[in-house]
Structures are given as C-alpha cells and as structure tokens.
Amino acid sequence: MAATTVYKEPAPKVGHTENPLESMMSRFNVAAEILGLDPSTYAVLKAPDKQVIVSLPVSMDSGEVRVFEGYRVVHNTILGPSKGGIRYDKNVNIDEVKALAAWMTWKCAVVDIPYGGAKGGIICDPSTMSPGEIERLTRAYTMSMKDVFGPDRDIPAPDMGTGPREMAWIMDEFSKTVGQTSSAVVTGKPLVMGGSLGRTEATGRGVMVSCLAAMNKLDMKIEETSVAIQGFGNVGSWTAKLMFDKGLTIKAISDVSGAYWNDNGIDIDAAIAYKNAHNGRLDGFEGASLMEDADDLLTSEVDVLVPAAVEDVITEHNAADIKAKLIVEGANGPTSASADPIIYGKGISVVPDILANSGGVTVSYFEWVQNKQGFKWSLDMVTERADRIMTEAFDKVYAVSQKYNISLRIAAYVVAIDKVAQTYKFRGGY
C-alpha cells in the first residue's frame, strides 16, 4: 500500500509580518465608525458567509498518496455571486484566505460590479510538483467544491501559483459534474476556452490608470515622475510596461533574484524580453545595477512606489524611511495596518489595493458577462470599459477622502462598505 502524507496548515508566520485578517479588520472598523454602521449590519458584514476546509488525497508520480488541505471562504454574496482567486502556496492559511475573501468583497463593491467576495487556496508547493500532480490536485479540489462553485454562486479565478491552465481544469471538471459545458463557472481561462481579451494585463493596467488618476490630483507631471516597482510577475511587469509606454521613468524593478536600479530609467521592453528568455527571472539583467539589498527598493529616491509582489512589505519598521510621494498598491495587502498612520503622517498618498488592483476583477467580470452572453468583446471594448470603471471608482474614492478628510485607503473602505450595507438593508435579513 502506498504511503500517505498529510500536509497540515503551517504555524503562523513570525517576525514583522502581521495577521492579514487583523490588518483588514482594523481598516474595516475605522470605516464602519465613520459611516456610523449599526451593530447588526456590522456583525453581518464582518463575518464570512461560509468557510469550507477539505482534505484532498492525491496520487503523486512516485505512487505515494499525499493529503493536501484546501480552503474556500465565501465572505459575502449580498451584491451577487462570490468572486475570488485560488492560490497554491505552501504558506496558505485560513486567516489569510478569510482576509483575502473580505478584500474581494470590498474590491468588487468599490468598482461597483455585482459580485461578492471569496478566496480559495491549497497548501502545496507547485514548484516541486509535476503538471500531472497539479492537474490531479486541481481536479480533486474542484470535485470537493462542486457544491460551492457555480456560475451564479461562486466563481473562482487565478491567483498566486495558478493560471489559465488550472482554470481550464476547474472548468472541465465542474462541467462534468453538471453534464454540460459551464464556461462562466471560472474566469482567467485560456482565450480559446472563453477567456477575455485584455485579462492578462488587466490588473497591471488598472494600477497604471489609478496611478495616473492620483498623479493628476497631486499635480505630478508624467515626464518628471520616477517609479520603483517591487515584483516583476504578471502584475508588476504589466504595470511597468504600461507606465513605461506612458512616459514614466521606471528607475527600479525587482523579482526573486533581487532589485535592479538605473538612475536614467530602465528599458522595460528590454527587461521583459530578458525575463522571457531566462526562465521568467531577471538574474544577470545588464540594463540596470543589482542593488545591495532588495528591500532598499521600497525606500529608494523615487516619486512613485508600486509594491506589486506580496503582503506586508511596508510595515512600521520601514514606513518612516519611504521617500515616495505616492504609493500605488499592485499587490493585495502590501502595507500593514501598523504602517498606515506613519505613511499618512508623512503626507504620502496611497492608492489602496482594493482600488488600485481591482482592474483584474473588473475584466474577470467582463469575461463572465461574455460567457453568459455567448459573445466575445473586442480588446478596445474591454480596455475602454475597464479604464472608465477604474477612473470613476478613483474619482468616487477621492471625493469621499476629501469629504471626511481621510486617507484614500479608508475612503475606499467607506465607499465599499456603504454600498454593501445599503444593499443588505434593502434586501433584508431574517
């Protein structure tokens, strides 16, 4: 009989990393107080609707059976079916998934699309697994979630460690359970399977649009503005490319190999070409100098900082050293709650994650609509509509920040929570 290994939830991270759920709730609480949210509505909005934990026995190529732990948290469905990615990562834990699910609720509400929030994850290290092992894990997870997922219930999407390939497997496996092709059950699919044009660059494009909208309010000129971008994956590289094309000077970029600096500006087209030719990494890129410490990118002499990598990179330990006038959050939760008052006190403007990186879920919504319609939109139609939604959302958040004299982050929570709370009151509870 093959051996069985059980992969359990890892212990909470220690050090400078804060609990992401606590960070999210601290901001939620401030916004709820500004809105004067009544206790019953507060209680409804803060608690997730559903938390599903599953054990997934998967046959590995070696013949061993490993049991992986998977999660799906549906935070809220007041505005519509829940929406949110699935991440494959060895550090996934239930608090992180709960926080990300809640962020999805507020992200969808702030850009005014008819979705609630959800998030999923599996504790695994996909970099050590074969495509066959990942496929069997993905299909097992889909079968375990067949009563959770649905084109009008809960719609997954890619996240860290997943992409169009995994979404194709989820769509196929779910379709088998309902006896018909169900394209709209998942977004971020390959184009040939009903994916949307413009989806790949959507999150980075939203970051760029949000950045330009904030720069306009701060009277920052494109030709005079320098940028540092942490992370050169899908979000970071597309953000860099689209900002570069607009004429911004990208002085620093980074990936797992380190941070790279060029005081005269990095040729982003060359950096992307180099990355694509070298297994997705920037090791040895000669268009910029390798910085001694990659973390120095966050405190470098630039006008705009774009953290587009992972959570909690800006904390109370480095916030006081940030020199940028504007932070635009490409990643989910890159700034810990403890850093907020320090950054706000320094007069640094922050376009928060739930606004800045919501271009991805906006175009995911467009993909779902196209699948429902059975009609494909042109790239121009996708980008024009996405840009308009992002700009209108920024203007609404900015107006609320001016009205209450609060940060853009808290203003974004105020806009989102107010929309969900009002809808809840109209729909009513038990």
Protein backbone atom coordinates (compact mmCIF):
# COMPACT_ATOMS: atom_id res chain seq x y z
CA MET A 1 0.00 0.00 0.00
CA ALA A 2 1.33 3.48 -0.93
CA ALA A 3 2.41 5.76 1.89
CA THR A 4 0.14 8.66 2.85
CA THR A 5 1.48 12.07 3.89
CA VAL A 6 -0.77 14.69 5.46
CA TYR A 7 0.09 18.33 4.74
CA LYS A 8 -1.21 20.48 7.59
CA GLU A 9 -1.66 24.21 7.93
CA PRO A 10 1.69 25.83 8.80
CA ALA A 11 2.23 27.70 12.03
CA PRO A 12 1.52 31.46 11.86
CA LYS A 13 4.41 33.48 10.49
CA VAL A 14 6.56 35.33 12.98
CA GLY A 15 8.66 38.46 12.72
CA HIS A 16 7.45 41.64 11.07
CA THR A 17 4.50 40.02 9.29
CA GLU A 18 1.11 40.93 10.71
CA ASN A 19 -2.02 38.81 10.60
CA PRO A 20 -3.69 39.91 7.33
CA LEU A 21 -7.16 39.38 8.77
CA GLU A 22 -6.37 41.74 11.66
CA SER A 23 -4.98 44.33 9.22
CA MET A 24 -8.15 44.16 7.13
CA MET A 25 -10.44 44.35 10.17
CA SER A 26 -8.63 47.35 11.66
CA ARG A 27 -9.38 49.34 8.49
CA PHE A 28 -12.92 47.95 8.32
CA ASN A 29 -13.52 49.15 11.88
CA VAL A 30 -12.36 52.71 11.15
CA ALA A 31 -14.59 52.94 8.06
CA ALA A 32 -17.56 51.43 9.93
CA GLU A 33 -17.20 54.09 12.62
CA ILE A 34 -17.09 56.89 10.03
CA LEU A 35 -20.28 55.50 8.46
CA GLY A 36 -21.97 55.04 11.83
CA LEU A 37 -22.69 51.42 10.92
CA ASP A 38 -25.29 49.92 13.24
CA PRO A 39 -24.17 46.88 15.31
CA SER A 40 -26.33 44.34 13.46
CA THR A 41 -25.09 45.36 9.99
CA TYR A 42 -21.52 45.47 11.31
CA ALA A 43 -21.88 41.92 12.61
CA VAL A 44 -23.23 40.68 9.26
CA LEU A 45 -20.55 42.35 7.12
CA LYS A 46 -17.53 41.34 9.17
CA ALA A 47 -18.30 37.61 9.32
CA PRO A 48 -17.73 35.30 6.32
CA ASP A 49 -20.82 33.54 4.97
CA LYS A 50 -19.07 30.21 4.54
CA GLN A 51 -15.72 28.58 5.33
CA VAL A 52 -15.00 25.25 3.67
CA ILE A 53 -11.93 23.16 4.57
CA VAL A 54 -11.27 19.99 2.60
CA SER A 55 -8.71 17.17 2.61
CA LEU A 56 -7.53 16.20 -0.86
CA PRO A 57 -5.86 12.77 -1.31
CA VAL A 58 -3.74 12.92 -4.46
CA SER A 59 -1.64 10.20 -6.09
CA MET A 60 1.84 11.54 -6.74
CA ASP A 61 4.00 10.36 -9.63
CA SER A 62 6.04 8.28 -7.18
CA GLY A 63 2.98 6.25 -6.19
CA GLU A 64 2.78 7.94 -2.80
CA VAL A 65 -0.57 9.40 -1.78
CA ARG A 66 -0.39 12.85 -0.25
CA VAL A 67 -3.31 14.51 1.50
CA PHE A 68 -3.38 18.25 0.86
CA GLU A 69 -5.50 20.74 2.78
CA GLY A 70 -7.66 23.12 0.72
CA TYR A 71 -9.85 26.10 1.57
CA ARG A 72 -12.65 28.16 0.10
CA VAL A 73 -14.01 31.10 2.05
CA VAL A 74 -17.12 32.88 0.76
CA HIS A 75 -17.14 36.18 2.59
CA ASN A 76 -20.28 37.79 1.19
CA THR A 77 -22.91 37.38 -1.54
CA ILE A 78 -25.08 40.44 -0.87
CA LEU A 79 -24.14 42.13 -4.16
CA GLY A 80 -24.12 38.94 -6.24
CA PRO A 81 -22.25 35.63 -6.67
CA SER A 82 -18.94 35.50 -4.85
CA LYS A 83 -15.75 36.04 -6.81
CA GLY A 84 -12.13 35.38 -5.94
CA GLY A 85 -8.93 33.63 -6.85
CA ILE A 86 -7.38 30.33 -5.80
CA ARG A 87 -3.78 30.32 -4.65
CA TYR A 88 -1.39 27.38 -4.49
CA ASP A 89 1.28 28.16 -1.92
CA LYS A 90 2.98 26.37 0.98
CA ASN A 91 2.17 29.29 3.32
CA VAL A 92 -1.59 29.42 2.65
CA ASN A 93 -3.59 29.51 5.90
CA ILE A 94 -7.22 30.09 6.81
CA ASP A 95 -6.73 33.61 8.23
CA GLU A 96 -5.03 34.72 5.03
CA VAL A 97 -7.84 33.26 2.92
CA LYS A 98 -10.50 34.92 5.12
CA ALA A 99 -8.76 38.29 4.78
CA LEU A 100 -8.39 37.93 1.01
CA ALA A 101 -12.06 36.92 0.68
CA ALA A 102 -13.14 40.03 2.58
CA TRP A 103 -10.83 42.18 0.45
CA MET A 104 -12.57 40.77 -2.62
CA THR A 105 -15.96 41.87 -1.24
CA TRP A 106 -14.70 45.43 -0.81
CA LYS A 107 -12.78 45.37 -4.10
CA CYS A 108 -15.88 44.41 -6.10
CA ALA A 109 -18.00 46.96 -4.25
CA VAL A 110 -15.57 49.84 -4.73
CA VAL A 111 -15.60 49.39 -8.53
CA ASP A 112 -19.37 48.81 -8.47
CA ILE A 113 -19.57 45.36 -10.04
CA PRO A 114 -22.28 42.87 -8.95
CA TYR A 115 -20.11 40.37 -7.11
CA GLY A 116 -19.47 39.39 -3.54
CA GLY A 117 -16.07 38.23 -2.30
CA ALA A 118 -14.44 34.83 -1.94
CA LYS A 119 -10.98 33.28 -1.93
CA GLY A 120 -9.53 29.81 -2.09
CA GLY A 121 -6.23 28.13 -1.51
CA ILE A 122 -4.37 24.85 -1.21
CA ILE A 123 -1.31 24.30 0.98
CA CYS A 124 1.20 23.00 -1.56
CA ASP A 125 4.41 23.93 -3.34
CA PRO A 126 3.58 23.79 -7.07
CA SER A 127 7.24 24.42 -7.98
CA THR A 128 8.05 20.90 -6.70
CA MET A 129 5.11 19.20 -8.43
CA SER A 130 4.74 17.82 -11.95
CA PRO A 131 1.97 19.08 -14.27
CA GLY A 132 0.17 15.75 -13.77
CA GLU A 133 0.28 16.09 -9.98
CA ILE A 134 -1.01 19.67 -10.16
CA GLU A 135 -3.81 18.59 -12.51
CA ARG A 136 -4.92 15.78 -10.19
CA LEU A 137 -4.81 18.16 -7.21
CA THR A 138 -6.83 20.78 -9.10
CA ARG A 139 -9.48 18.30 -10.21
CA ALA A 140 -9.75 16.84 -6.68
CA TYR A 141 -10.21 20.34 -5.27
CA THR A 142 -12.89 21.12 -7.87
CA MET A 143 -14.82 17.94 -7.04
CA SER A 144 -14.65 18.80 -3.33
CA MET A 145 -16.03 22.25 -4.10
CA LYS A 146 -18.70 21.21 -6.63
CA ASP A 147 -21.48 22.36 -4.29
CA VAL A 148 -19.71 25.68 -3.62
CA PHE A 149 -18.67 26.70 -7.15
CA GLY A 150 -21.21 27.71 -9.78
CA PRO A 151 -21.61 30.43 -12.44
CA ASP A 152 -24.33 32.05 -10.32
CA ARG A 153 -22.92 31.04 -6.90
CA ASP A 154 -19.15 31.28 -6.62
CA ILE A 155 -16.71 31.98 -9.47
CA PRO A 156 -13.01 31.18 -8.98
CA ALA A 157 -10.09 32.83 -10.79
CA PRO A 158 -6.28 32.54 -10.86
CA ASP A 159 -4.10 33.78 -8.02
CA MET A 160 -0.60 33.06 -6.74
CA GLY A 161 0.59 29.72 -8.13
CA THR A 162 -2.33 29.27 -10.54
CA GLY A 163 -3.15 30.46 -14.05
CA PRO A 164 -5.19 29.74 -17.19
CA ARG A 165 -4.14 26.07 -17.18
CA GLU A 166 -5.60 25.43 -13.73
CA MET A 167 -8.75 27.40 -14.60
CA ALA A 168 -9.23 25.20 -17.68
CA TRP A 169 -9.06 22.09 -15.48
CA ILE A 170 -11.54 23.57 -13.00
CA MET A 171 -13.99 24.45 -15.78
CA ASP A 172 -13.67 20.99 -17.32
CA GLU A 173 -14.10 19.12 -14.03
CA PHE A 174 -17.03 21.26 -12.91
CA SER A 175 -18.67 20.86 -16.34
CA LYS A 176 -18.58 17.08 -15.88
CA THR A 177 -20.49 17.40 -12.59
CA VAL A 178 -23.34 19.35 -14.24
CA GLY A 179 -23.39 17.41 -17.51
CA GLN A 180 -22.80 20.42 -19.77
CA THR A 181 -20.09 22.94 -20.62
CA SER A 182 -20.11 25.65 -17.96
CA SER A 183 -17.74 28.36 -19.22
CA ALA A 184 -18.92 31.01 -16.78
CA VAL A 185 -18.00 28.98 -13.65
CA VAL A 186 -14.45 30.34 -13.71
CA THR A 187 -12.57 33.32 -15.16
CA GLY A 188 -8.97 33.72 -16.24
CA LYS A 189 -9.39 30.86 -18.72
CA PRO A 190 -7.35 30.43 -21.93
CA LEU A 191 -8.73 32.56 -24.76
CA VAL A 192 -9.77 29.50 -26.77
CA MET A 193 -11.99 28.37 -23.86
CA GLY A 194 -13.85 31.65 -23.41
CA GLY A 195 -11.19 33.77 -21.75
CA SER A 196 -11.37 37.52 -22.32
CA LEU A 197 -9.04 39.67 -24.36
CA GLY A 198 -7.24 42.08 -22.06
CA ARG A 199 -7.42 39.82 -18.99
CA THR A 200 -3.69 39.09 -18.77
CA GLU A 201 -2.74 42.76 -18.47
CA ALA A 202 -5.91 43.87 -16.66
CA THR A 203 -4.54 44.17 -13.10
CA GLY A 204 -1.40 45.99 -14.23
CA ARG A 205 -3.46 48.26 -16.45
CA GLY A 206 -5.72 49.13 -13.52
CA VAL A 207 -2.65 50.00 -11.43
CA MET A 208 -1.41 52.29 -14.21
CA VAL A 209 -4.79 54.01 -14.62
CA SER A 210 -5.10 54.51 -10.85
CA CYS A 211 -1.57 55.90 -10.69
CA LEU A 212 -2.21 58.44 -13.44
CA ALA A 213 -5.51 59.49 -11.81
CA ALA A 214 -3.72 60.07 -8.48
CA MET A 215 -0.84 61.89 -10.16
CA ASN A 216 -3.36 64.21 -11.77
CA LYS A 217 -4.82 65.10 -8.36
CA LEU A 218 -1.30 65.63 -6.95
CA ASP A 219 -0.24 67.73 -9.97
CA MET A 220 2.62 65.33 -10.78
CA LYS A 221 3.85 65.58 -14.38
CA ILE A 222 4.47 62.34 -16.27
CA GLU A 223 7.78 63.48 -17.74
CA GLU A 224 9.08 64.44 -14.27
CA THR A 225 7.94 61.33 -12.38
CA SER A 226 10.15 58.37 -11.41
CA VAL A 227 8.84 54.98 -10.31
CA ALA A 228 10.06 51.91 -8.39
CA ILE A 229 8.13 48.66 -8.85
CA GLN A 230 8.57 45.75 -6.44
CA GLY A 231 7.67 42.50 -8.15
CA PHE A 232 8.05 41.66 -11.84
CA GLY A 233 5.47 38.93 -12.22
CA ASN A 234 2.27 39.39 -14.17
CA VAL A 235 1.09 42.48 -12.26
CA GLY A 236 4.47 44.15 -11.83
CA SER A 237 5.73 43.60 -15.36
CA TRP A 238 2.49 44.79 -16.99
CA THR A 239 2.37 47.81 -14.67
CA ALA A 240 5.97 48.63 -15.60
CA LYS A 241 5.33 48.14 -19.33
CA LEU A 242 2.18 50.29 -19.40
CA MET A 243 3.75 53.05 -17.25
CA PHE A 244 6.89 52.97 -19.43
CA ASP A 245 4.72 53.32 -22.55
CA LYS A 246 3.03 56.36 -20.97
CA GLY A 247 6.40 58.06 -20.49
CA LEU A 248 7.07 57.47 -16.79
CA THR A 249 10.69 56.79 -15.81
CA ILE A 250 10.99 53.35 -14.18
CA LYS A 251 14.17 53.55 -12.09
CA ALA A 252 13.82 50.29 -10.16
CA ILE A 253 12.28 46.86 -10.63
CA SER A 254 12.69 43.63 -8.67
CA ASP A 255 11.93 39.93 -8.61
CA VAL A 256 13.08 36.96 -6.53
CA SER A 257 16.64 37.38 -7.86
CA GLY A 258 16.97 40.89 -6.42
CA ALA A 259 16.28 44.56 -7.11
CA TYR A 260 17.67 46.43 -10.11
CA TRP A 261 18.33 50.18 -10.35
CA ASN A 262 19.08 52.54 -13.22
CA ASP A 263 19.06 56.23 -12.37
CA ASN A 264 18.40 57.12 -16.01
CA GLY A 265 15.46 54.74 -16.26
CA ILE A 266 15.18 51.06 -17.17
CA ASP A 267 14.20 49.97 -20.68
CA ILE A 268 11.18 47.90 -19.63
CA ASP A 269 10.74 46.29 -23.05
CA ALA A 270 14.32 45.01 -22.77
CA ALA A 271 13.74 43.81 -19.19
CA ILE A 272 10.62 41.87 -20.18
CA ALA A 273 12.37 40.35 -23.20
CA TYR A 274 15.29 39.31 -20.95
CA LYS A 275 12.95 37.81 -18.36
CA ASN A 276 11.04 35.84 -21.00
CA ALA A 277 14.30 34.47 -22.38
CA HIS A 278 15.68 33.48 -18.96
CA ASN A 279 13.03 31.30 -17.31
CA GLY A 280 10.99 34.25 -16.06
CA ARG A 281 13.82 35.72 -13.97
CA LEU A 282 15.94 38.88 -14.13
CA ASP A 283 19.23 37.27 -12.94
CA GLY A 284 22.07 38.82 -14.92
CA PHE A 285 19.98 41.61 -16.49
CA GLU A 286 22.51 44.21 -17.64
CA GLY A 287 20.14 47.11 -18.20
CA ALA A 288 20.36 48.07 -14.51
CA SER A 289 22.63 47.59 -11.49
CA LEU A 290 21.82 44.98 -8.84
CA MET A 291 21.01 46.75 -5.56
CA GLU A 292 22.88 45.52 -2.46
CA ASP A 293 19.65 44.88 -0.56
CA ALA A 294 16.42 44.23 -2.46
CA ASP A 295 14.41 45.85 0.33
CA ASP A 296 16.16 49.16 -0.43
CA LEU A 297 13.86 49.47 -3.45
CA LEU A 298 11.00 50.34 -1.08
CA THR A 299 12.88 53.31 0.39
CA SER A 300 14.61 54.47 -2.79
CA GLU A 301 14.58 58.04 -4.13
CA VAL A 302 11.57 57.89 -6.43
CA ASP A 303 8.27 59.74 -6.74
CA VAL A 304 6.00 56.70 -7.05
CA LEU A 305 6.34 53.33 -5.31
CA VAL A 306 4.39 50.32 -6.60
CA PRO A 307 4.53 47.28 -4.28
CA ALA A 308 3.31 44.53 -6.63
CA ALA A 309 4.72 41.40 -5.02
CA VAL A 310 3.46 40.05 -1.70
CA GLU A 311 1.72 41.09 1.51
CA ASP A 312 3.16 43.15 4.37
CA VAL A 313 6.29 44.58 2.76
CA ILE A 314 5.61 48.08 4.10
CA THR A 315 5.43 47.92 7.88
CA GLU A 316 6.02 50.10 10.91
CA HIS A 317 9.70 49.13 10.62
CA ASN A 318 10.34 50.78 7.23
CA ALA A 319 7.39 53.13 6.62
CA ALA A 320 9.19 56.16 8.07
CA ASP A 321 12.00 55.72 5.51
CA ILE A 322 9.80 55.76 2.43
CA LYS A 323 10.61 58.75 0.20
CA ALA A 324 7.95 58.36 -2.50
CA LYS A 325 5.12 60.91 -2.62
CA LEU A 326 2.67 58.32 -3.93
CA ILE A 327 2.23 54.59 -3.28
CA VAL A 328 0.03 52.58 -5.64
CA GLU A 329 -0.63 49.07 -4.33
CA GLY A 330 -0.46 46.42 -7.02
CA ALA A 331 -0.33 43.52 -4.55
CA ASN A 332 -3.01 42.52 -2.04
CA GLY A 333 -2.21 43.83 1.44
CA PRO A 334 1.35 45.10 0.82
CA THR A 335 1.01 47.67 3.62
CA SER A 336 0.38 46.52 7.18
CA ALA A 337 -2.17 48.39 9.29
CA SER A 338 0.59 49.48 11.69
CA ALA A 339 2.26 51.40 8.86
CA ASP A 340 -0.87 53.36 7.88
CA PRO A 341 -0.58 56.20 10.45
CA ILE A 342 3.14 56.62 9.73
CA ILE A 343 2.56 56.94 5.98
CA TYR A 344 -0.46 59.21 6.41
CA GLY A 345 1.50 61.35 8.86
CA LYS A 346 4.27 61.81 6.30
CA GLY A 347 1.73 63.14 3.79
CA ILE A 348 2.25 60.23 1.38
CA SER A 349 -0.81 59.45 -0.75
CA VAL A 350 -1.69 55.75 -1.08
CA VAL A 351 -3.99 54.31 -3.72
CA PRO A 352 -5.02 51.19 -1.77
CA ASP A 353 -5.06 47.64 -3.05
CA ILE A 354 -8.84 47.29 -3.07
CA LEU A 355 -8.95 50.13 -5.60
CA ALA A 356 -5.60 50.05 -7.43
CA ASN A 357 -5.52 46.36 -8.33
CA SER A 358 -9.24 45.90 -8.98
CA GLY A 359 -8.68 46.07 -12.74
CA GLY A 360 -8.21 42.30 -12.64
CA VAL A 361 -11.59 41.50 -11.13
CA THR A 362 -13.21 44.12 -13.40
CA VAL A 363 -12.05 42.31 -16.54
CA SER A 364 -12.86 38.97 -14.90
CA TYR A 365 -16.40 40.31 -14.59
CA PHE A 366 -16.30 41.19 -18.30
CA GLU A 367 -15.19 37.62 -19.08
CA TRP A 368 -18.12 36.23 -17.07
CA VAL A 369 -20.54 38.58 -18.87
CA GLN A 370 -19.17 37.50 -22.26
CA ASN A 371 -19.54 33.83 -21.30
CA LYS A 372 -23.12 34.48 -20.22
CA GLN A 373 -23.84 36.34 -23.46
CA GLY A 374 -22.03 33.84 -25.65
CA PHE A 375 -20.46 36.84 -27.38
CA LYS A 376 -16.81 37.96 -27.42
CA TRP A 377 -15.86 41.63 -26.98
CA SER A 378 -13.01 43.35 -28.83
CA LEU A 379 -9.86 44.38 -26.93
CA ASP A 380 -10.74 48.05 -27.43
CA MET A 381 -14.16 47.49 -25.86
CA VAL A 382 -12.62 45.70 -22.86
CA THR A 383 -9.93 48.31 -22.18
CA GLU A 384 -12.21 51.31 -22.74
CA ARG A 385 -14.82 49.97 -20.31
CA ALA A 386 -12.24 48.87 -17.75
CA ASP A 387 -10.43 52.24 -17.84
CA ARG A 388 -13.73 54.07 -17.36
CA ILE A 389 -14.70 51.92 -14.37
CA MET A 390 -11.28 52.38 -12.74
CA THR A 391 -11.28 56.15 -13.27
CA GLU A 392 -14.83 56.57 -11.97
CA ALA A 393 -14.00 54.44 -8.91
CA PHE A 394 -10.91 56.53 -8.17
CA ASP A 395 -12.87 59.79 -8.50
CA LYS A 396 -15.55 58.50 -6.12
CA VAL A 397 -12.98 57.39 -3.53
CA TYR A 398 -11.07 60.67 -3.84
CA ALA A 399 -14.26 62.68 -3.30
CA VAL A 400 -15.05 60.70 -0.12
CA SER A 401 -11.49 61.20 1.15
CA GLN A 402 -11.91 64.96 0.71
CA LYS A 403 -15.36 64.97 2.30
CA TYR A 404 -14.23 63.24 5.51
CA ASN A 405 -10.57 64.38 5.43
CA ILE A 406 -9.38 60.76 5.50
CA SER A 407 -6.84 58.69 3.58
CA LEU A 408 -7.71 57.16 0.23
CA ARG A 409 -7.47 53.74 1.88
CA ILE A 410 -10.12 54.43 4.49
CA ALA A 411 -12.18 56.28 1.86
CA ALA A 412 -12.14 53.15 -0.34
CA TYR A 413 -13.41 51.07 2.59
CA VAL A 414 -16.10 53.68 3.29
CA VAL A 415 -17.31 53.56 -0.34
CA ALA A 416 -17.29 49.76 -0.43
CA ILE A 417 -18.86 49.12 2.98
CA ASP A 418 -21.54 51.74 2.40
CA LYS A 419 -22.57 50.06 -0.87
CA VAL A 420 -22.76 46.59 0.67
CA ALA A 421 -24.50 47.85 3.82
CA GLN A 422 -27.14 49.76 1.85
CA THR A 423 -27.80 46.73 -0.35
CA TYR A 424 -28.09 44.50 2.71
CA LYS A 425 -30.70 46.83 4.23
CA PHE A 426 -32.75 46.82 1.03
CA ARG A 427 -32.53 43.04 0.73
CA GLY A 428 -33.17 42.48 4.43
CA GLY A 429 -32.20 39.63 6.74
CA TYR A 430 -34.03 37.13 8.88
